[in-house]
C-alpha cells in the first residue's frame, strides 16, 4: 500500500502527479477555483474515465479493488452511495407522479 506522507497539491498550473516508477498518473482535467470538476488516472495500459463524485477541494483514490483493504473501504462507501441514490430515485419518482397528475 502506498500512502503519501505530505499532501500532494495539484492545481491548474500543476495538474499531474506521477506515481512511483511512473506506474500511474493522477491528472486533474478541469478545475474551477478550488473545486475539481474532472480528473482521471492513467497507466501505461489504460486511462480511466472522469472520477469526479461531487465537487470539492480534495480527491482521494484507492486503486485495486481486489485488495482486502480497498475492498473493505469500497464496501462501506458503496452502502452510503446506494442510500444517496435511492433517495434521489424516490425524489425523481415523486416528481414524475406529480407531472403525471397534471
PDB file of N, CA and C in Angstrom:
ATOM      1  N   UNK A   1       0.854  -1.172   0.000  1.00  0.00           N
ATOM      2  CA  UNK A   1       0.000   0.000   0.000  1.00  0.00           C
ATOM      3  C   UNK A   1       0.898   1.233   0.000  1.00  0.00           C
ATOM      4  N   UNK A   2       0.533   2.194  -0.806  1.00  0.00           N
ATOM      5  CA  UNK A   2       1.288   3.435  -0.907  1.00  0.00           C
ATOM      6  C   UNK A   2       0.450   4.553  -0.319  1.00  0.00           C
ATOM      7  N   UNK A   3       1.035   5.279   0.590  1.00  0.00           N
ATOM      8  CA  UNK A   3       0.337   6.423   1.180  1.00  0.00           C
ATOM      9  C   UNK A   3       1.347   7.556   1.273  1.00  0.00           C
ATOM     10  N   UNK A   4       0.949   8.736   0.766  1.00  0.00           N
ATOM     11  CA  UNK A   4       1.873   9.860   0.815  1.00  0.00           C
ATOM     12  C   UNK A   4       1.926  10.461   2.220  1.00  0.00           C
ATOM     13  N   UNK A   5       3.122  10.862   2.636  1.00  0.00           N
ATOM     14  CA  UNK A   5       3.303  11.475   3.955  1.00  0.00           C
ATOM     15  C   UNK A   5       2.793  12.906   3.980  1.00  0.00           C
ATOM     16  N   UNK A   6       3.051  13.628   2.889  1.00  0.00           N
ATOM     17  CA  UNK A   6       2.643  15.026   2.783  1.00  0.00           C
ATOM     18  C   UNK A   6       1.541  15.146   1.736  1.00  0.00           C
ATOM     19  N   UNK A   7       0.682  16.153   1.876  1.00  0.00           N
ATOM     20  CA  UNK A   7      -0.353  16.354   0.851  1.00  0.00           C
ATOM     21  C   UNK A   7       0.273  16.598  -0.520  1.00  0.00           C
ATOM     22  N   UNK A   8      -0.383  16.105  -1.533  1.00  0.00           N
ATOM     23  CA  UNK A   8       0.034  16.370  -2.907  1.00  0.00           C
ATOM     24  C   UNK A   8      -0.882  17.482  -3.405  1.00  0.00           C
ATOM     25  N   UNK A   9      -0.305  18.612  -3.749  1.00  0.00           N
ATOM     26  CA  UNK A   9      -1.093  19.770  -4.160  1.00  0.00           C
ATOM     27  C   UNK A   9      -1.106  19.844  -5.684  1.00  0.00           C
ATOM     28  N   UNK A  10      -2.281  19.749  -6.263  1.00  0.00           N
ATOM     29  CA  UNK A  10      -2.441  19.892  -7.701  1.00  0.00           C
ATOM     30  C   UNK A  10      -3.359  21.077  -7.960  1.00  0.00           C
ATOM     31  N   UNK A  11      -3.074  21.807  -9.025  1.00  0.00           N
ATOM     32  CA  UNK A  11      -3.908  22.942  -9.411  1.00  0.00           C
ATOM     33  C   UNK A  11      -3.881  23.067 -10.922  1.00  0.00           C
ATOM     34  N   UNK A  12      -4.422  24.147 -11.459  1.00  0.00           N
ATOM     35  CA  UNK A  12      -4.488  24.292 -12.914  1.00  0.00           C
ATOM     36  C   UNK A  12      -3.106  24.395 -13.549  1.00  0.00           C
ATOM     37  N   UNK A  13      -2.113  24.909 -12.830  1.00  0.00           N
ATOM     38  CA  UNK A  13      -0.755  25.032 -13.371  1.00  0.00           C
ATOM     39  C   UNK A  13       0.064  23.758 -13.163  1.00  0.00           C
ATOM     40  N   UNK A  14      -0.220  23.026 -12.098  1.00  0.00           N
ATOM     41  CA  UNK A  14       0.483  21.795 -11.744  1.00  0.00           C
ATOM     42  C   UNK A  14      -0.570  20.707 -11.602  1.00  0.00           C
ATOM     43  N   UNK A  15      -1.032  20.144 -12.733  1.00  0.00           N
ATOM     44  CA  UNK A  15      -2.215  19.288 -12.709  1.00  0.00           C
ATOM     45  C   UNK A  15      -1.941  17.798 -12.834  1.00  0.00           C
ATOM     46  N   UNK A  16      -0.677  17.361 -12.764  1.00  0.00           N
ATOM     47  CA  UNK A  16      -0.361  15.941 -12.906  1.00  0.00           C
ATOM     48  C   UNK A  16       0.541  15.484 -11.760  1.00  0.00           C
ATOM     49  N   UNK A  17       0.175  14.357 -11.148  1.00  0.00           N
ATOM     50  CA  UNK A  17       1.037  13.702 -10.170  1.00  0.00           C
ATOM     51  C   UNK A  17       1.452  12.368 -10.765  1.00  0.00           C
ATOM     52  N   UNK A  18       2.762  12.120 -10.816  1.00  0.00           N
ATOM     53  CA  UNK A  18       3.281  10.859 -11.340  1.00  0.00           C
ATOM     54  C   UNK A  18       3.658   9.983 -10.153  1.00  0.00           C
ATOM     55  N   UNK A  19       3.069   8.788 -10.106  1.00  0.00           N
ATOM     56  CA  UNK A  19       3.321   7.860  -9.012  1.00  0.00           C
ATOM     57  C   UNK A  19       4.698   7.218  -9.101  1.00  0.00           C
ATOM     58  N   UNK A  20       5.024   6.380  -8.117  1.00  0.00           N
ATOM     59  CA  UNK A  20       6.345   5.737  -8.057  1.00  0.00           C
ATOM     60  C   UNK A  20       6.680   4.988  -9.343  1.00  0.00           C
ATOM     61  N   UNK A  21       7.893   5.160  -9.805  1.00  0.00           N
ATOM     62  CA  UNK A  21       8.398   4.499 -11.013  1.00  0.00           C
ATOM     63  C   UNK A  21       7.524   4.776 -12.233  1.00  0.00           C
ATOM     64  N   UNK A  22       6.734   5.854 -12.200  1.00  0.00           N
ATOM     65  CA  UNK A  22       5.888   6.205 -13.336  1.00  0.00           C
ATOM     66  C   UNK A  22       4.760   5.220 -13.580  1.00  0.00           C
ATOM     67  N   UNK A  23       4.457   4.382 -12.577  1.00  0.00           N
ATOM     68  CA  UNK A  23       3.441   3.334 -12.741  1.00  0.00           C
ATOM     69  C   UNK A  23       2.059   3.904 -13.068  1.00  0.00           C
ATOM     70  N   UNK A  24       1.731   5.043 -12.490  1.00  0.00           N
ATOM     71  CA  UNK A  24       0.445   5.672 -12.759  1.00  0.00           C
ATOM     72  C   UNK A  24       0.582   7.178 -12.672  1.00  0.00           C
ATOM     73  N   UNK A  25      -0.420   7.868 -13.216  1.00  0.00           N
ATOM     74  CA  UNK A  25      -0.510   9.322 -13.098  1.00  0.00           C
ATOM     75  C   UNK A  25      -1.913   9.670 -12.629  1.00  0.00           C
ATOM     76  N   UNK A  26      -2.007  10.675 -11.781  1.00  0.00           N
ATOM     77  CA  UNK A  26      -3.290  11.280 -11.418  1.00  0.00           C
ATOM     78  C   UNK A  26      -3.306  12.620 -12.147  1.00  0.00           C
ATOM     79  N   UNK A  27      -4.347  12.837 -12.951  1.00  0.00           N
ATOM     80  CA  UNK A  27      -4.411  14.032 -13.788  1.00  0.00           C
ATOM     81  C   UNK A  27      -5.691  14.810 -13.490  1.00  0.00           C
ATOM     82  N   UNK A  28      -5.540  16.078 -13.148  1.00  0.00           N
ATOM     83  CA  UNK A  28      -6.686  16.965 -12.979  1.00  0.00           C
ATOM     84  C   UNK A  28      -6.998  17.545 -14.354  1.00  0.00           C
ATOM     85  N   UNK A  29      -8.187  17.259 -14.867  1.00  0.00           N
ATOM     86  CA  UNK A  29      -8.577  17.725 -16.197  1.00  0.00           C
ATOM     87  C   UNK A  29      -9.237  19.095 -16.166  1.00  0.00           C
ATOM     88  N   UNK A  30      -9.994  19.347 -15.112  1.00  0.00           N
ATOM     89  CA  UNK A  30     -10.711  20.626 -15.039  1.00  0.00           C
ATOM     90  C   UNK A  30     -10.829  21.061 -13.590  1.00  0.00           C
ATOM     91  N   UNK A  31     -10.474  22.310 -13.367  1.00  0.00           N
ATOM     92  CA  UNK A  31     -10.554  22.899 -12.030  1.00  0.00           C
ATOM     93  C   UNK A  31     -11.252  24.241 -12.173  1.00  0.00           C
ATOM     94  N   UNK A  32     -12.170  24.527 -11.280  1.00  0.00           N
ATOM     95  CA  UNK A  32     -12.860  25.821 -11.275  1.00  0.00           C
ATOM     96  C   UNK A  32     -12.686  26.419  -9.889  1.00  0.00           C
ATOM     97  N   UNK A  33     -11.843  27.421  -9.790  1.00  0.00           N
ATOM     98  CA  UNK A  33     -11.494  27.958  -8.468  1.00  0.00           C
ATOM     99  C   UNK A  33     -10.730  26.889  -7.713  1.00  0.00           C
ATOM    100  N   UNK A  34     -11.277  26.478  -6.562  1.00  0.00           N
ATOM    101  CA  UNK A  34     -10.677  25.401  -5.774  1.00  0.00           C
ATOM    102  C   UNK A  34     -11.369  24.066  -5.982  1.00  0.00           C
ATOM    103  N   UNK A  35     -12.410  24.032  -6.811  1.00  0.00           N
ATOM    104  CA  UNK A  35     -13.201  22.808  -6.981  1.00  0.00           C
ATOM    105  C   UNK A  35     -12.728  22.001  -8.183  1.00  0.00           C
ATOM    106  N   UNK A  36     -12.496  20.723  -7.960  1.00  0.00           N
ATOM    107  CA  UNK A  36     -12.126  19.809  -9.043  1.00  0.00           C
ATOM    108  C   UNK A  36     -13.410  19.388  -9.756  1.00  0.00           C
ATOM    109  N   UNK A  37     -13.455  19.641 -11.057  1.00  0.00           N
ATOM    110  CA  UNK A  37     -14.631  19.304 -11.868  1.00  0.00           C
ATOM    111  C   UNK A  37     -14.426  18.003 -12.644  1.00  0.00           C
ATOM    112  N   UNK A  38     -13.160  17.661 -12.961  1.00  0.00           N
ATOM    113  CA  UNK A  38     -12.864  16.434 -13.701  1.00  0.00           C
ATOM    114  C   UNK A  38     -11.428  15.997 -13.427  1.00  0.00           C
ATOM    115  N   UNK A  39     -11.245  14.667 -13.216  1.00  0.00           N
ATOM    116  CA  UNK A  39      -9.909  14.117 -13.038  1.00  0.00           C
ATOM    117  C   UNK A  39      -9.924  12.648 -13.421  1.00  0.00           C
ATOM    118  N   UNK A  40      -8.746  12.110 -13.723  1.00  0.00           N
ATOM    119  CA  UNK A  40      -8.660  10.707 -14.096  1.00  0.00           C
ATOM    120  C   UNK A  40      -7.300  10.119 -13.712  1.00  0.00           C
ATOM    121  N   UNK A  41      -7.185   8.802 -13.835  1.00  0.00           N
ATOM    122  CA  UNK A  41      -5.935   8.081 -13.587  1.00  0.00           C
ATOM    123  C   UNK A  41      -5.474   7.482 -14.917  1.00  0.00           C
ATOM    124  N   UNK A  42      -4.176   7.528 -15.159  1.00  0.00           N
ATOM    125  CA  UNK A  42      -3.583   6.929 -16.360  1.00  0.00           C
ATOM    126  C   UNK A  42      -2.535   5.909 -15.954  1.00  0.00           C
ATOM    127  N   UNK A  43      -2.493   4.801 -16.677  1.00  0.00           N
ATOM    128  CA  UNK A  43      -1.386   3.847 -16.581  1.00  0.00           C
ATOM    129  C   UNK A  43      -0.870   3.634 -17.999  1.00  0.00           C
ATOM    130  N   UNK A  44       0.165   2.823 -18.133  1.00  0.00           N
ATOM    131  CA  UNK A  44       0.690   2.533 -19.464  1.00  0.00           C
ATOM    132  C   UNK A  44      -0.334   1.802 -20.321  1.00  0.00           C
ATOM    133  N   UNK A  45      -1.275   1.098 -19.679  1.00  0.00           N
ATOM    134  CA  UNK A  45      -2.236   0.282 -20.414  1.00  0.00           C
ATOM    135  C   UNK A  45      -3.600   0.925 -20.606  1.00  0.00           C
ATOM    136  N   UNK A  46      -3.968   1.850 -19.734  1.00  0.00           N
ATOM    137  CA  UNK A  46      -5.343   2.359 -19.796  1.00  0.00           C
ATOM    138  C   UNK A  46      -5.459   3.739 -19.168  1.00  0.00           C
ATOM    139  N   UNK A  47      -6.580   4.377 -19.444  1.00  0.00           N
ATOM    140  CA  UNK A  47      -6.937   5.654 -18.838  1.00  0.00           C
ATOM    141  C   UNK A  47      -8.355   5.522 -18.315  1.00  0.00           C
ATOM    142  N   UNK A  48      -8.562   5.931 -17.075  1.00  0.00           N
ATOM    143  CA  UNK A  48      -9.913   5.861 -16.508  1.00  0.00           C
ATOM    144  C   UNK A  48     -10.781   6.954 -17.115  1.00  0.00           C
ATOM    145  N   UNK A  49     -12.058   6.862 -16.878  1.00  0.00           N
ATOM    146  CA  UNK A  49     -12.953   7.961 -17.204  1.00  0.00           C
ATOM    147  C   UNK A  49     -12.852   9.016 -16.118  1.00  0.00           C
ATOM    148  N   UNK A  50     -13.720  10.002 -16.185  1.00  0.00           N
ATOM    149  CA  UNK A  50     -13.765  11.055 -15.177  1.00  0.00           C
ATOM    150  C   UNK A  50     -14.158  10.440 -13.841  1.00  0.00           C
ATOM    151  N   UNK A  51     -13.364  10.675 -12.805  1.00  0.00           N
ATOM    152  CA  UNK A  51     -13.593  10.075 -11.490  1.00  0.00           C
ATOM    153  C   UNK A  51     -14.237  11.024 -10.488  1.00  0.00           C
ATOM    154  N   UNK A  52     -14.754  12.142 -10.958  1.00  0.00           N
ATOM    155  CA  UNK A  52     -15.396  13.082 -10.044  1.00  0.00           C
ATOM    156  C   UNK A  52     -16.663  12.466  -9.462  1.00  0.00           C
ATOM    157  N   UNK A  53     -16.791  12.588  -8.165  1.00  0.00           N
ATOM    158  CA  UNK A  53     -18.009  12.211  -7.458  1.00  0.00           C
ATOM    159  C   UNK A  53     -18.358  13.408  -6.594  1.00  0.00           C
ATOM    160  N   UNK A  54     -19.185  14.298  -7.101  1.00  0.00           N
ATOM    161  CA  UNK A  54     -19.454  15.557  -6.416  1.00  0.00           C
ATOM    162  C   UNK A  54     -18.371  16.557  -6.778  1.00  0.00           C
ATOM    163  N   UNK A  55     -18.258  17.586  -5.977  1.00  0.00           N
ATOM    164  CA  UNK A  55     -17.240  18.604  -6.202  1.00  0.00           C
ATOM    165  C   UNK A  55     -16.499  18.838  -4.903  1.00  0.00           C
ATOM    166  N   UNK A  56     -15.276  19.235  -5.015  1.00  0.00           N
ATOM    167  CA  UNK A  56     -14.553  19.516  -3.796  1.00  0.00           C
ATOM    168  C   UNK A  56     -13.125  19.907  -4.038  1.00  0.00           C
ATOM    169  N   UNK A  57     -12.444  20.167  -2.940  1.00  0.00           N
ATOM    170  CA  UNK A  57     -11.051  20.592  -2.989  1.00  0.00           C
ATOM    171  C   UNK A  57     -10.113  19.398  -2.895  1.00  0.00           C
ATOM    172  N   UNK A  58     -10.637  18.219  -2.587  1.00  0.00           N
ATOM    173  CA  UNK A  58      -9.795  17.046  -2.380  1.00  0.00           C
ATOM    174  C   UNK A  58     -10.244  15.915  -3.295  1.00  0.00           C
ATOM    175  N   UNK A  59      -9.270  15.136  -3.743  1.00  0.00           N
ATOM    176  CA  UNK A  59      -9.581  13.890  -4.426  1.00  0.00           C
ATOM    177  C   UNK A  59      -8.894  12.783  -3.651  1.00  0.00           C
ATOM    178  N   UNK A  60      -9.539  11.672  -3.537  1.00  0.00           N
ATOM    179  CA  UNK A  60      -8.969  10.510  -2.874  1.00  0.00           C
ATOM    180  C   UNK A  60      -9.152   9.333  -3.812  1.00  0.00           C
ATOM    181  N   UNK A  61      -8.165   8.474  -3.856  1.00  0.00           N
ATOM    182  CA  UNK A  61      -8.267   7.327  -4.743  1.00  0.00           C
ATOM    183  C   UNK A  61      -7.656   6.102  -4.084  1.00  0.00           C
ATOM    184  N   UNK A  62      -8.362   4.994  -4.208  1.00  0.00           N
ATOM    185  CA  UNK A  62      -7.854   3.688  -3.808  1.00  0.00           C
ATOM    186  C   UNK A  62      -7.907   2.825  -5.059  1.00  0.00           C
ATOM    187  N   UNK A  63      -6.792   2.271  -5.439  1.00  0.00           N
ATOM    188  CA  UNK A  63      -6.717   1.501  -6.670  1.00  0.00           C
ATOM    189  C   UNK A  63      -6.507   0.033  -6.336  1.00  0.00           C
ATOM    190  N   UNK A  64      -7.163  -0.843  -7.069  1.00  0.00           N
ATOM    191  CA  UNK A  64      -7.065  -2.294  -6.949  1.00  0.00           C
ATOM    192  C   UNK A  64      -8.140  -2.814  -6.011  1.00  0.00           C
ATOM    193  N   UNK A  65      -9.341  -2.955  -6.518  1.00  0.00           N
ATOM    194  CA  UNK A  65     -10.473  -3.427  -5.732  1.00  0.00           C
ATOM    195  C   UNK A  65     -10.305  -4.824  -5.173  1.00  0.00           C
ATOM    196  N   UNK A  66      -9.366  -5.624  -5.708  1.00  0.00           N
ATOM    197  CA  UNK A  66      -9.150  -6.975  -5.200  1.00  0.00           C
ATOM    198  C   UNK A  66      -8.388  -6.964  -3.876  1.00  0.00           C
ATOM    199  N   UNK A  67      -7.740  -5.854  -3.561  1.00  0.00           N
ATOM    200  CA  UNK A  67      -7.010  -5.728  -2.307  1.00  0.00           C
ATOM    201  C   UNK A  67      -8.001  -5.714  -1.157  1.00  0.00           C
ATOM    202  N   UNK A  68      -7.764  -6.493  -0.098  1.00  0.00           N
ATOM    203  CA  UNK A  68      -8.717  -6.592   1.011  1.00  0.00           C
ATOM    204  C   UNK A  68      -8.997  -5.245   1.663  1.00  0.00           C
ATOM    205  N   UNK A  69      -7.977  -4.402   1.826  1.00  0.00           N
ATOM    206  CA  UNK A  69      -8.166  -3.092   2.446  1.00  0.00           C
ATOM    207  C   UNK A  69      -9.070  -2.222   1.579  1.00  0.00           C
ATOM    208  N   UNK A  70      -8.793  -2.197   0.293  1.00  0.00           N
ATOM    209  CA  UNK A  70      -9.591  -1.398  -0.634  1.00  0.00           C
ATOM    210  C   UNK A  70     -11.001  -1.953  -0.721  1.00  0.00           C
ATOM    211  N   UNK A  71     -11.119  -3.262  -0.796  1.00  0.00           N
ATOM    212  CA  UNK A  71     -12.421  -3.908  -0.895  1.00  0.00           C
ATOM    213  C   UNK A  71     -13.291  -3.566   0.315  1.00  0.00           C
ATOM    214  N   UNK A  72     -12.703  -3.592   1.507  1.00  0.00           N
ATOM    215  CA  UNK A  72     -13.450  -3.260   2.730  1.00  0.00           C
ATOM    216  C   UNK A  72     -13.925  -1.810   2.679  1.00  0.00           C
ATOM    217  N   UNK A  73     -13.022  -0.902   2.301  1.00  0.00           N
ATOM    218  CA  UNK A  73     -13.379   0.509   2.214  1.00  0.00           C
ATOM    219  C   UNK A  73     -14.483   0.728   1.185  1.00  0.00           C
ATOM    220  N   UNK A  74     -14.314   0.147  -0.005  1.00  0.00           N
ATOM    221  CA  UNK A  74     -15.307   0.358  -1.059  1.00  0.00           C
ATOM    222  C   UNK A  74     -16.660  -0.209  -0.652  1.00  0.00           C
ATOM    223  N   UNK A  75     -16.663  -1.285   0.130  1.00  0.00           N
ATOM    224  CA  UNK A  75     -17.925  -1.843   0.616  1.00  0.00           C
ATOM    225  C   UNK A  75     -18.663  -0.861   1.515  1.00  0.00           C
ATOM    226  N   UNK A  76     -17.931  -0.165   2.368  1.00  0.00           N
ATOM    227  CA  UNK A  76     -18.557   0.840   3.235  1.00  0.00           C
ATOM    228  C   UNK A  76     -19.066   2.014   2.417  1.00  0.00           C
ATOM    229  N   UNK A  77     -18.275   2.469   1.465  1.00  0.00           N
ATOM    230  CA  UNK A  77     -18.662   3.604   0.630  1.00  0.00           C
ATOM    231  C   UNK A  77     -19.869   3.254  -0.228  1.00  0.00           C
ATOM    232  N   UNK A  78     -19.897   2.031  -0.736  1.00  0.00           N
ATOM    233  CA  UNK A  78     -20.989   1.605  -1.596  1.00  0.00           C
ATOM    234  C   UNK A  78     -22.330   1.713  -0.881  1.00  0.00           C
ATOM    235  N   UNK A  79     -22.383   1.334   0.369  1.00  0.00           N
ATOM    236  CA  UNK A  79     -23.637   1.419   1.116  1.00  0.00           C
ATOM    237  C   UNK A  79     -24.119   2.867   1.198  1.00  0.00           C
ATOM    238  N   UNK A  80     -23.234   3.791   1.492  1.00  0.00           N
ATOM    239  CA  UNK A  80     -23.594   5.207   1.560  1.00  0.00           C
ATOM    240  C   UNK A  80     -24.074   5.702   0.205  1.00  0.00           C
ATOM    241  N   UNK A  81     -23.364   5.339  -0.852  1.00  0.00           N
ATOM    242  CA  UNK A  81     -23.756   5.766  -2.195  1.00  0.00           C
ATOM    243  C   UNK A  81     -25.117   5.197  -2.586  1.00  0.00           C
ATOM    244  N   UNK A  82     -25.376   3.955  -2.207  1.00  0.00           N
ATOM    245  CA  UNK A  82     -26.668   3.342  -2.525  1.00  0.00           C
ATOM    246  C   UNK A  82     -27.807   4.081  -1.829  1.00  0.00           C
ATOM    247  N   UNK A  83     -27.615   4.444  -0.581  1.00  0.00           N
ATOM    248  CA  UNK A  83     -28.644   5.185   0.157  1.00  0.00           C
ATOM    249  C   UNK A  83     -28.893   6.532  -0.519  1.00  0.00           C
ATOM    250  N   UNK A  84     -27.827   7.220  -0.907  1.00  0.00           N
ATOM    251  CA  UNK A  84     -27.985   8.505  -1.600  1.00  0.00           C
ATOM    252  C   UNK A  84     -28.723   8.338  -2.919  1.00  0.00           C
ATOM    253  N   UNK A  85     -28.370   7.312  -3.689  1.00  0.00           N
ATOM    254  CA  UNK A  85     -29.009   7.079  -4.979  1.00  0.00           C
ATOM    255  C   UNK A  85     -30.477   6.699  -4.809  1.00  0.00           C
ATOM    256  N   UNK A  86     -30.788   5.894  -3.806  1.00  0.00           N
ATOM    257  CA  UNK A  86     -32.180   5.517  -3.548  1.00  0.00           C
ATOM    258  C   UNK A  86     -33.017   6.748  -3.195  1.00  0.00           C
ATOM    259  N   UNK A  87     -32.443   7.653  -2.442  1.00  0.00           N
ATOM    260  CA  UNK A  87     -33.138   8.886  -2.088  1.00  0.00           C
ATOM    261  C   UNK A  87     -33.420   9.711  -3.347  1.00  0.00           C
ATOM    262  N   UNK A  88     -32.420   9.840  -4.216  1.00  0.00           N
ATOM    263  CA  UNK A  88     -32.609  10.586  -5.463  1.00  0.00           C
ATOM    264  C   UNK A  88     -33.659   9.927  -6.354  1.00  0.00           C
ATOM    265  N   UNK A  89     -33.652   8.611  -6.422  1.00  0.00           N
ATOM    266  CA  UNK A  89     -34.642   7.882  -7.221  1.00  0.00           C
ATOM    267  C   UNK A  89     -36.044   8.146  -6.683  1.00  0.00           C
ATOM    268  N   UNK A  90     -36.196   8.095  -5.371  1.00  0.00           N
ATOM    269  CA  UNK A  90     -37.509   8.352  -4.764  1.00  0.00           C
ATOM    270  C   UNK A  90     -37.981   9.770  -5.066  1.00  0.00           C
ATOM    271  N   UNK A  91     -37.073  10.738  -5.008  1.00  0.00           N
ATOM    272  CA  UNK A  91     -37.431  12.126  -5.319  1.00  0.00           C
ATOM    273  C   UNK A  91     -37.859  12.270  -6.775  1.00  0.00           C
ATOM    274  N   UNK A  92     -37.135  11.623  -7.681  1.00  0.00           N
ATOM    275  CA  UNK A  92     -37.494  11.681  -9.098  1.00  0.00           C
ATOM    276  C   UNK A  92     -38.830  10.989  -9.370  1.00  0.00           C
ATOM    277  N   UNK A  93     -39.064   9.871  -8.704  1.00  0.00           N
ATOM    278  CA  UNK A  93     -40.338   9.176  -8.871  1.00  0.00           C
ATOM    279  C   UNK A  93     -41.498  10.038  -8.389  1.00  0.00           C
ATOM    280  N   UNK A  94     -41.294  10.763  -7.298  1.00  0.00           N
ATOM    281  CA  UNK A  94     -42.331  11.672  -6.795  1.00  0.00           C
ATOM    282  C   UNK A  94     -42.603  12.787  -7.800  1.00  0.00           C
ATOM    283  N   UNK A  95     -41.566  13.326  -8.404  1.00  0.00           N
ATOM    284  CA  UNK A  95     -41.738  14.375  -9.412  1.00  0.00           C
ATOM    285  C   UNK A  95     -42.483  13.847 -10.629  1.00  0.00           C
ATOM    286  N   UNK A  96     -42.149  12.632 -11.041  1.00  0.00           N
ATOM    287  CA  UNK A  96     -42.839  12.017 -12.183  1.00  0.00           C
ATOM    288  C   UNK A  96     -44.313  11.843 -11.862  1.00  0.00           C
ATOM    289  N   UNK A  97     -44.612  11.376 -10.658  1.00  0.00           N
ATOM    290  CA  UNK A  97     -46.008  11.199 -10.250  1.00  0.00           C
ATOM    291  C   UNK A  97     -46.764  12.518 -10.278  1.00  0.00           C
ATOM    292  N   UNK A  98     -46.116  13.587  -9.813  1.00  0.00           N
ATOM    293  CA  UNK A  98     -46.744  14.915  -9.845  1.00  0.00           C
ATOM    294  C   UNK A  98     -47.035  15.352 -11.274  1.00  0.00           C
ATOM    295  N   UNK A  99     -46.087  15.138 -12.156  1.00  0.00           N
ATOM    296  CA  UNK A  99     -46.259  15.533 -13.545  1.00  0.00           C
ATOM    297  C   UNK A  99     -47.348  14.711 -14.241  1.00  0.00           C
ATOM    298  N   UNK A 100     -47.453  13.453 -13.884  1.00  0.00           N
ATOM    299  CA  UNK A 100     -48.475  12.582 -14.488  1.00  0.00           C
ATOM    300  C   UNK A 100     -49.883  12.995 -14.056  1.00  0.00           C
ATOM    301  N   UNK A 101     -50.004  13.571 -12.867  1.00  0.00           N
ATOM    302  CA  UNK A 101     -51.311  14.003 -12.356  1.00  0.00           C
ATOM    303  C   UNK A 101     -51.793  15.262 -13.076  1.00  0.00           C
ATOM    304  N   UNK A 102     -50.898  16.026 -13.650  1.00  0.00           N
ATOM    305  CA  UNK A 102     -51.279  17.289 -14.288  1.00  0.00           C
ATOM    306  C   UNK A 102     -51.893  17.077 -15.647  1.00  0.00           C
TER     307      UNK A 102
END
